[in-house]
PDB file of N, CA and C in Angstrom:
ATOM      1  N   MET A   1       0.847  -1.181   0.000  1.00  0.00           N
ATOM      2  CA  MET A   1       0.000   0.000   0.000  1.00  0.00           C
ATOM      3  C   MET A   1       0.884   1.234   0.000  1.00  0.00           C
ATOM      4  N   HIS A   2       0.454   2.239  -0.691  1.00  0.00           N
ATOM      5  CA  HIS A   2       1.230   3.476  -0.771  1.00  0.00           C
ATOM      6  C   HIS A   2       0.981   4.331   0.463  1.00  0.00           C
ATOM      7  N   ASP A   3       2.015   5.054   0.833  1.00  0.00           N
ATOM      8  CA  ASP A   3       1.896   5.951   1.985  1.00  0.00           C
ATOM      9  C   ASP A   3       1.491   7.329   1.479  1.00  0.00           C
ATOM     10  N   PHE A   4       0.208   7.603   1.504  1.00  0.00           N
ATOM     11  CA  PHE A   4      -0.297   8.862   0.969  1.00  0.00           C
ATOM     12  C   PHE A   4      -0.246   9.997   1.988  1.00  0.00           C
ATOM     13  N   LYS A   5      -0.147   9.664   3.259  1.00  0.00           N
ATOM     14  CA  LYS A   5      -0.190  10.699   4.298  1.00  0.00           C
ATOM     15  C   LYS A   5       1.019  11.618   4.248  1.00  0.00           C
ATOM     16  N   ASN A   6       2.151  11.088   3.848  1.00  0.00           N
ATOM     17  CA  ASN A   6       3.386  11.878   3.859  1.00  0.00           C
ATOM     18  C   ASN A   6       3.661  12.568   2.528  1.00  0.00           C
ATOM     19  N   LYS A   7       2.737  12.496   1.605  1.00  0.00           N
ATOM     20  CA  LYS A   7       2.966  13.101   0.286  1.00  0.00           C
ATOM     21  C   LYS A   7       2.272  14.452   0.196  1.00  0.00           C
ATOM     22  N   THR A   8       2.869  15.304  -0.610  1.00  0.00           N
ATOM     23  CA  THR A   8       2.260  16.620  -0.833  1.00  0.00           C
ATOM     24  C   THR A   8       1.122  16.487  -1.833  1.00  0.00           C
ATOM     25  N   ASP A   9       0.365  17.544  -1.938  1.00  0.00           N
ATOM     26  CA  ASP A   9      -0.747  17.538  -2.895  1.00  0.00           C
ATOM     27  C   ASP A   9      -0.246  17.331  -4.319  1.00  0.00           C
ATOM     28  N   GLU A  10       0.856  17.959  -4.656  1.00  0.00           N
ATOM     29  CA  GLU A  10       1.407  17.813  -6.010  1.00  0.00           C
ATOM     30  C   GLU A  10       1.848  16.382  -6.272  1.00  0.00           C
ATOM     31  N   GLU A  11       2.475  15.766  -5.287  1.00  0.00           N
ATOM     32  CA  GLU A  11       2.910  14.377  -5.444  1.00  0.00           C
ATOM     33  C   GLU A  11       1.703  13.450  -5.616  1.00  0.00           C
ATOM     34  N   LEU A  12       0.668  13.727  -4.843  1.00  0.00           N
ATOM     35  CA  LEU A  12      -0.546  12.911  -4.977  1.00  0.00           C
ATOM     36  C   LEU A  12      -1.176  13.079  -6.357  1.00  0.00           C
ATOM     37  N   LEU A  13      -1.218  14.308  -6.838  1.00  0.00           N
ATOM     38  CA  LEU A  13      -1.778  14.555  -8.169  1.00  0.00           C
ATOM     39  C   LEU A  13      -0.926  13.921  -9.256  1.00  0.00           C
ATOM     40  N   ASP A  14       0.392  13.981  -9.114  1.00  0.00           N
ATOM     41  CA  ASP A  14       1.282  13.321 -10.079  1.00  0.00           C
ATOM     42  C   ASP A  14       1.040  11.816 -10.090  1.00  0.00           C
ATOM     43  N   TRP A  15       0.957  11.253  -8.898  1.00  0.00           N
ATOM     44  CA  TRP A  15       0.715   9.812  -8.796  1.00  0.00           C
ATOM     45  C   TRP A  15      -0.614   9.456  -9.462  1.00  0.00           C
ATOM     46  N   LEU A  16      -1.646  10.257  -9.193  1.00  0.00           N
ATOM     47  CA  LEU A  16      -2.962  10.015  -9.779  1.00  0.00           C
ATOM     48  C   LEU A  16      -2.919  10.136 -11.301  1.00  0.00           C
ATOM     49  N   ASP A  17      -2.204  11.125 -11.812  1.00  0.00           N
ATOM     50  CA  ASP A  17      -2.070  11.293 -13.264  1.00  0.00           C
ATOM     51  C   ASP A  17      -1.395  10.087 -13.903  1.00  0.00           C
ATOM     52  N   LYS A  18      -0.333   9.607 -13.281  1.00  0.00           N
ATOM     53  CA  LYS A  18       0.382   8.442 -13.831  1.00  0.00           C
ATOM     54  C   LYS A  18      -0.539   7.222 -13.887  1.00  0.00           C
ATOM     55  N   TRP A  19      -1.283   6.998 -12.821  1.00  0.00           N
ATOM     56  CA  TRP A  19      -2.164   5.835 -12.809  1.00  0.00           C
ATOM     57  C   TRP A  19      -3.328   5.998 -13.773  1.00  0.00           C
ATOM     58  N   THR A  20      -3.805   7.213 -13.921  1.00  0.00           N
ATOM     59  CA  THR A  20      -4.886   7.465 -14.875  1.00  0.00           C
ATOM     60  C   THR A  20      -4.420   7.176 -16.292  1.00  0.00           C
ATOM     61  N   ILE A  21      -3.216   7.607 -16.628  1.00  0.00           N
ATOM     62  CA  ILE A  21      -2.663   7.341 -17.959  1.00  0.00           C
ATOM     63  C   ILE A  21      -2.519   5.835 -18.174  1.00  0.00           C
ATOM     64  N   THR A  22      -2.007   5.127 -17.174  1.00  0.00           N
ATOM     65  CA  THR A  22      -1.829   3.679 -17.288  1.00  0.00           C
ATOM     66  C   THR A  22      -3.173   2.982 -17.479  1.00  0.00           C
ATOM     67  N   ILE A  23      -4.162   3.376 -16.702  1.00  0.00           N
ATOM     68  CA  ILE A  23      -5.486   2.766 -16.819  1.00  0.00           C
ATOM     69  C   ILE A  23      -6.080   3.042 -18.198  1.00  0.00           C
ATOM     70  N   ASN A  24      -5.945   4.257 -18.685  1.00  0.00           N
ATOM     71  CA  ASN A  24      -6.477   4.594 -20.004  1.00  0.00           C
ATOM     72  C   ASN A  24      -5.787   3.800 -21.107  1.00  0.00           C
ATOM     73  N   GLN A  25      -4.481   3.613 -20.988  1.00  0.00           N
ATOM     74  CA  GLN A  25      -3.753   2.823 -21.988  1.00  0.00           C
ATOM     75  C   GLN A  25      -4.221   1.372 -21.964  1.00  0.00           C
ATOM     76  N   ASP A  26      -4.405   0.828 -20.755  1.00  0.00           N
ATOM     77  CA  ASP A  26      -4.888  -0.548 -20.641  1.00  0.00           C
ATOM     78  C   ASP A  26      -6.287  -0.686 -21.233  1.00  0.00           C
ATOM     79  N   GLN A  27      -7.138   0.293 -20.966  1.00  0.00           N
ATOM     80  CA  GLN A  27      -8.480   0.257 -21.540  1.00  0.00           C
ATOM     81  C   GLN A  27      -8.414   0.289 -23.062  1.00  0.00           C
ATOM     82  N   GLN A  28      -7.528   1.105 -23.587  1.00  0.00           N
ATOM     83  CA  GLN A  28      -7.412   1.206 -25.044  1.00  0.00           C
ATOM     84  C   GLN A  28      -6.928  -0.110 -25.643  1.00  0.00           C
ATOM     85  N   VAL A  29      -5.999  -0.770 -24.955  1.00  0.00           N
ATOM     86  CA  VAL A  29      -5.501  -2.059 -25.438  1.00  0.00           C
ATOM     87  C   VAL A  29      -6.635  -3.082 -25.446  1.00  0.00           C
ATOM     88  N   VAL A  30      -7.425  -3.104 -24.375  1.00  0.00           N
ATOM     89  CA  VAL A  30      -8.536  -4.050 -24.294  1.00  0.00           C
ATOM     90  C   VAL A  30      -9.579  -3.747 -25.370  1.00  0.00           C
ATOM     91  N   ILE A  31      -9.897  -2.478 -25.551  1.00  0.00           N
ATOM     92  CA  ILE A  31     -10.872  -2.088 -26.574  1.00  0.00           C
ATOM     93  C   ILE A  31     -10.370  -2.482 -27.962  1.00  0.00           C
ATOM     94  N   THR A  32      -9.096  -2.251 -28.231  1.00  0.00           N
ATOM     95  CA  THR A  32      -8.520  -2.617 -29.525  1.00  0.00           C
ATOM     96  C   THR A  32      -8.612  -4.125 -29.751  1.00  0.00           C
ATOM     97  N   GLU A  33      -8.313  -4.905 -28.716  1.00  0.00           N
ATOM     98  CA  GLU A  33      -8.378  -6.359 -28.839  1.00  0.00           C
ATOM     99  C   GLU A  33      -9.818  -6.818 -29.093  1.00  0.00           C
ATOM    100  N   LEU A  34     -10.761  -6.207 -28.392  1.00  0.00           N
ATOM    101  CA  LEU A  34     -12.168  -6.560 -28.608  1.00  0.00           C
ATOM    102  C   LEU A  34     -12.610  -6.199 -30.022  1.00  0.00           C
ATOM    103  N   GLU A  35     -12.145  -5.066 -30.526  1.00  0.00           N
ATOM    104  CA  GLU A  35     -12.481  -4.676 -31.898  1.00  0.00           C
ATOM    105  C   GLU A  35     -11.916  -5.685 -32.893  1.00  0.00           C
ATOM    106  N   LYS A  36     -10.672  -6.112 -32.674  1.00  0.00           N
ATOM    107  CA  LYS A  36     -10.063  -7.099 -33.577  1.00  0.00           C
ATOM    108  C   LYS A  36     -10.862  -8.395 -33.573  1.00  0.00           C
ATOM    109  N   ARG A  37     -11.240  -8.847 -32.377  1.00  0.00           N
ATOM    110  CA  ARG A  37     -12.000 -10.096 -32.285  1.00  0.00           C
ATOM    111  C   ARG A  37     -13.355  -9.963 -32.967  1.00  0.00           C
ATOM    112  N   SER A  38     -13.997  -8.814 -32.783  1.00  0.00           N
ATOM    113  CA  SER A  38     -15.297  -8.595 -33.422  1.00  0.00           C
ATOM    114  C   SER A  38     -15.163  -8.604 -34.938  1.00  0.00           C
ATOM    115  N   ILE A  39     -14.122  -7.965 -35.441  1.00  0.00           N
ATOM    116  CA  ILE A  39     -13.892  -7.934 -36.886  1.00  0.00           C
ATOM    117  C   ILE A  39     -13.622  -9.339 -37.405  1.00  0.00           C
ATOM    118  N   ASP A  40     -12.819 -10.123 -36.659  1.00  0.00           N
ATOM    119  CA  ASP A  40     -12.539 -11.498 -37.074  1.00  0.00           C
ATOM    120  C   ASP A  40     -13.816 -12.339 -37.103  1.00  0.00           C
ATOM    121  N   LYS A  41     -14.655 -12.179 -36.082  1.00  0.00           N
ATOM    122  CA  LYS A  41     -15.916 -12.929 -36.054  1.00  0.00           C
ATOM    123  C   LYS A  41     -16.807 -12.526 -37.219  1.00  0.00           C
ATOM    124  N   LEU A  42     -16.839 -11.239 -37.516  1.00  0.00           N
ATOM    125  CA  LEU A  42     -17.655 -10.759 -38.635  1.00  0.00           C
ATOM    126  C   LEU A  42     -17.137 -11.316 -39.960  1.00  0.00           C
ATOM    127  N   LYS A  43     -15.811 -11.349 -40.129  1.00  0.00           N
ATOM    128  CA  LYS A  43     -15.234 -11.912 -41.357  1.00  0.00           C
ATOM    129  C   LYS A  43     -15.594 -13.386 -41.504  1.00  0.00           C
ATOM    130  N   LYS A  44     -15.504 -14.142 -40.393  1.00  0.00           N
ATOM    131  CA  LYS A  44     -15.851 -15.562 -40.442  1.00  0.00           C
ATOM    132  C   LYS A  44     -17.317 -15.748 -40.805  1.00  0.00           C
ATOM    133  N   LEU A  45     -18.178 -14.899 -40.242  1.00  0.00           N
ATOM    134  CA  LEU A  45     -19.601 -14.991 -40.537  1.00  0.00           C
ATOM    135  C   LEU A  45     -19.875 -14.698 -42.006  1.00  0.00           C
ATOM    136  N   ILE A  46     -19.240 -13.671 -42.538  1.00  0.00           N
ATOM    137  CA  ILE A  46     -19.409 -13.319 -43.953  1.00  0.00           C
ATOM    138  C   ILE A  46     -18.898 -14.449 -44.843  1.00  0.00           C
ATOM    139  N   ASP A  47     -17.741 -15.023 -44.489  1.00  0.00           N
ATOM    140  CA  ASP A  47     -17.200 -16.140 -45.267  1.00  0.00           C
ATOM    141  C   ASP A  47     -18.153 -17.331 -45.258  1.00  0.00           C
ATOM    142  N   SER A  48     -18.727 -17.622 -44.106  1.00  0.00           N
ATOM    143  CA  SER A  48     -19.640 -18.768 -44.038  1.00  0.00           C
ATOM    144  C   SER A  48     -20.890 -18.512 -44.878  1.00  0.00           C
ATOM    145  N   PHE A  49     -21.387 -17.270 -44.864  1.00  0.00           N
ATOM    146  CA  PHE A  49     -22.550 -16.951 -45.692  1.00  0.00           C
ATOM    147  C   PHE A  49     -22.212 -17.049 -47.173  1.00  0.00           C
ATOM    148  N   SER A  50     -21.055 -16.548 -47.562  1.00  0.00           N
ATOM    149  CA  SER A  50     -20.709 -16.571 -48.982  1.00  0.00           C
ATOM    150  C   SER A  50     -20.498 -18.001 -49.465  1.00  0.00           C
ATOM    151  N   SER A  51     -19.871 -18.839 -48.644  1.00  0.00           N
ATOM    152  CA  SER A  51     -19.662 -20.220 -49.079  1.00  0.00           C
ATOM    153  C   SER A  51     -20.987 -20.975 -49.146  1.00  0.00           C
ATOM    154  N   SER A  52     -21.886 -20.717 -48.199  1.00  0.00           N
ATOM    155  CA  SER A  52     -23.176 -21.404 -48.249  1.00  0.00           C
ATOM    156  C   SER A  52     -24.021 -20.889 -49.411  1.00  0.00           C
ATOM    157  N   SER A  53     -23.917 -19.610 -49.725  1.00  0.00           N
ATOM    158  CA  SER A  53     -24.685 -19.083 -50.860  1.00  0.00           C
ATOM    159  C   SER A  53     -24.155 -19.644 -52.173  1.00  0.00           C
ATOM    160  N   GLU A  54     -22.845 -19.872 -52.263  1.00  0.00           N
ATOM    161  CA  GLU A  54     -22.287 -20.497 -53.469  1.00  0.00           C
ATOM    162  C   GLU A  54     -22.834 -21.909 -53.637  1.00  0.00           C
ATOM    163  N   ARG A  55     -22.900 -22.644 -52.529  1.00  0.00           N
ATOM    164  CA  ARG A  55     -23.438 -24.001 -52.595  1.00  0.00           C
ATOM    165  C   ARG A  55     -24.896 -23.984 -53.037  1.00  0.00           C
ATOM    166  N   TYR A  56     -25.669 -23.061 -52.467  1.00  0.00           N
ATOM    167  CA  TYR A  56     -27.083 -22.991 -52.835  1.00  0.00           C
ATOM    168  C   TYR A  56     -27.265 -22.561 -54.282  1.00  0.00           C
ATOM    169  N   SER A  57     -26.444 -21.642 -54.757  1.00  0.00           N
ATOM    170  CA  SER A  57     -26.583 -21.209 -56.147  1.00  0.00           C
ATOM    171  C   SER A  57     -26.242 -22.356 -57.102  1.00  0.00           C
ATOM    172  N   LYS A  58     -25.259 -23.172 -56.757  1.00  0.00           N
ATOM    173  CA  LYS A  58     -24.937 -24.331 -57.597  1.00  0.00           C
ATOM    174  C   LYS A  58     -26.087 -25.332 -57.593  1.00  0.00           C
ATOM    175  N   ARG A  59     -26.697 -25.530 -56.432  1.00  0.00           N
ATOM    176  CA  ARG A  59     -27.835 -26.452 -56.356  1.00  0.00           C
ATOM    177  C   ARG A  59     -29.001 -25.937 -57.187  1.00  0.00           C
ATOM    178  N   ILE A  60     -29.274 -24.653 -57.065  1.00  0.00           N
ATOM    179  CA  ILE A  60     -30.385 -24.071 -57.823  1.00  0.00           C
ATOM    180  C   ILE A  60     -30.127 -24.180 -59.322  1.00  0.00           C
ATOM    181  N   LEU A  61     -28.895 -23.909 -59.742  1.00  0.00           N
ATOM    182  CA  LEU A  61     -28.555 -24.032 -61.157  1.00  0.00           C
ATOM    183  C   LEU A  61     -28.730 -25.474 -61.630  1.00  0.00           C
ATOM    184  N   PHE A  62     -28.281 -26.433 -60.844  1.00  0.00           N
ATOM    185  CA  PHE A  62     -28.433 -27.844 -61.194  1.00  0.00           C
ATOM    186  C   PHE A  62     -29.910 -28.226 -61.293  1.00  0.00           C
ATOM    187  N   LEU A  63     -30.697 -27.822 -60.301  1.00  0.00           N
ATOM    188  CA  LEU A  63     -32.126 -28.154 -60.316  1.00  0.00           C
ATOM    189  C   LEU A  63     -32.852 -27.486 -61.483  1.00  0.00           C
ATOM    190  N   THR A  64     -32.427 -26.301 -61.848  1.00  0.00           N
ATOM    191  CA  THR A  64     -33.027 -25.625 -63.006  1.00  0.00           C
ATOM    192  C   THR A  64     -32.757 -26.413 -64.279  1.00  0.00           C
ATOM    193  N   TRP A  65     -31.517 -26.864 -64.458  1.00  0.00           N
ATOM    194  CA  TRP A  65     -31.191 -27.663 -65.649  1.00  0.00           C
ATOM    195  C   TRP A  65     -31.964 -28.982 -65.663  1.00  0.00           C
ATOM    196  N   VAL A  66     -32.109 -29.608 -64.493  1.00  0.00           N
ATOM    197  CA  VAL A  66     -32.886 -30.849 -64.420  1.00  0.00           C
ATOM    198  C   VAL A  66     -34.331 -30.580 -64.828  1.00  0.00           C
ATOM    199  N   LEU A  67     -34.890 -29.484 -64.347  1.00  0.00           N
ATOM    200  CA  LEU A  67     -36.269 -29.129 -64.696  1.00  0.00           C
ATOM    201  C   LEU A  67     -36.417 -28.861 -66.194  1.00  0.00           C
ATOM    202  N   VAL A  68     -35.447 -28.173 -66.778  1.00  0.00           N
ATOM    203  CA  VAL A  68     -35.486 -27.895 -68.221  1.00  0.00           C
ATOM    204  C   VAL A  68     -35.418 -29.199 -69.009  1.00  0.00           C
ATOM    205  N   VAL A  69     -34.516 -30.082 -68.646  1.00  0.00           N
ATOM    206  CA  VAL A  69     -34.374 -31.361 -69.354  1.00  0.00           C
ATOM    207  C   VAL A  69     -35.645 -32.187 -69.210  1.00  0.00           C
ATOM    208  N   LEU A  70     -36.215 -32.254 -68.015  1.00  0.00           N
ATOM    209  CA  LEU A  70     -37.459 -33.010 -67.815  1.00  0.00           C
ATOM    210  C   LEU A  70     -38.610 -32.421 -68.625  1.00  0.00           C
ATOM    211  N   THR A  71     -38.672 -31.110 -68.699  1.00  0.00           N
ATOM    212  CA  THR A  71     -39.720 -30.459 -69.492  1.00  0.00           C
ATOM    213  C   THR A  71     -39.576 -30.821 -70.962  1.00  0.00           C
ATOM    214  N   ILE A  72     -38.353 -30.772 -71.480  1.00  0.00           N
ATOM    215  CA  ILE A  72     -38.114 -31.127 -72.887  1.00  0.00           C
ATOM    216  C   ILE A  72     -38.493 -32.582 -73.138  1.00  0.00           C
ATOM    217  N   VAL A  73     -38.106 -33.471 -72.229  1.00  0.00           N
ATOM    218  CA  VAL A  73     -38.430 -34.894 -72.382  1.00  0.00           C
ATOM    219  C   VAL A  73     -39.942 -35.098 -72.364  1.00  0.00           C
ATOM    220  N   LEU A  74     -40.637 -34.442 -71.455  1.00  0.00           N
ATOM    221  CA  LEU A  74     -42.102 -34.586 -71.385  1.00  0.00           C
ATOM    222  C   LEU A  74     -42.788 -34.030 -72.627  1.00  0.00           C
ATOM    223  N   VAL A  75     -42.286 -32.930 -73.168  1.00  0.00           N
ATOM    224  CA  VAL A  75     -42.862 -32.363 -74.397  1.00  0.00           C
ATOM    225  C   VAL A  75     -42.664 -33.329 -75.553  1.00  0.00           C
ATOM    226  N   ILE A  76     -41.489 -33.919 -75.660  1.00  0.00           N
ATOM    227  CA  ILE A  76     -41.217 -34.882 -76.738  1.00  0.00           C
ATOM    228  C   ILE A  76     -42.125 -36.100 -76.592  1.00  0.00           C
ATOM    229  N   ILE A  77     -42.302 -36.584 -75.366  1.00  0.00           N
ATOM    230  CA  ILE A  77     -43.170 -37.752 -75.145  1.00  0.00           C
ATOM    231  C   ILE A  77     -44.623 -37.409 -75.483  1.00  0.00           C
ATOM    232  N   ALA A  78     -45.052 -36.210 -75.137  1.00  0.00           N
ATOM    233  CA  ALA A  78     -46.447 -35.809 -75.379  1.00  0.00           C
ATOM    234  C   ALA A  78     -46.744 -35.683 -76.869  1.00  0.00           C
ATOM    235  N   LEU A  79     -45.766 -35.365 -77.667  1.00  0.00           N
ATOM    236  CA  LEU A  79     -45.988 -35.227 -79.112  1.00  0.00           C
ATOM    237  C   LEU A  79     -46.069 -36.602 -79.712  1.00  0.00           C
TER     238      LEU A  79
END
């Protein structure tokens, strides 16, 4: 524990300023780390959406071609 009783007002204010600066720097480091993690999570989420949308678009394209081929076959059979 610090001995505050024997310090002058200026010394106490200096000590308080130093600790305030340290606390603010630590807060900034934590905030920066949280921002990085949030950005990384957002990137992963976007990547997962884009990869799943690619899969769905390929499926839709395949099903469309199957439907077109079946329609042509049914028209030929009906004639």
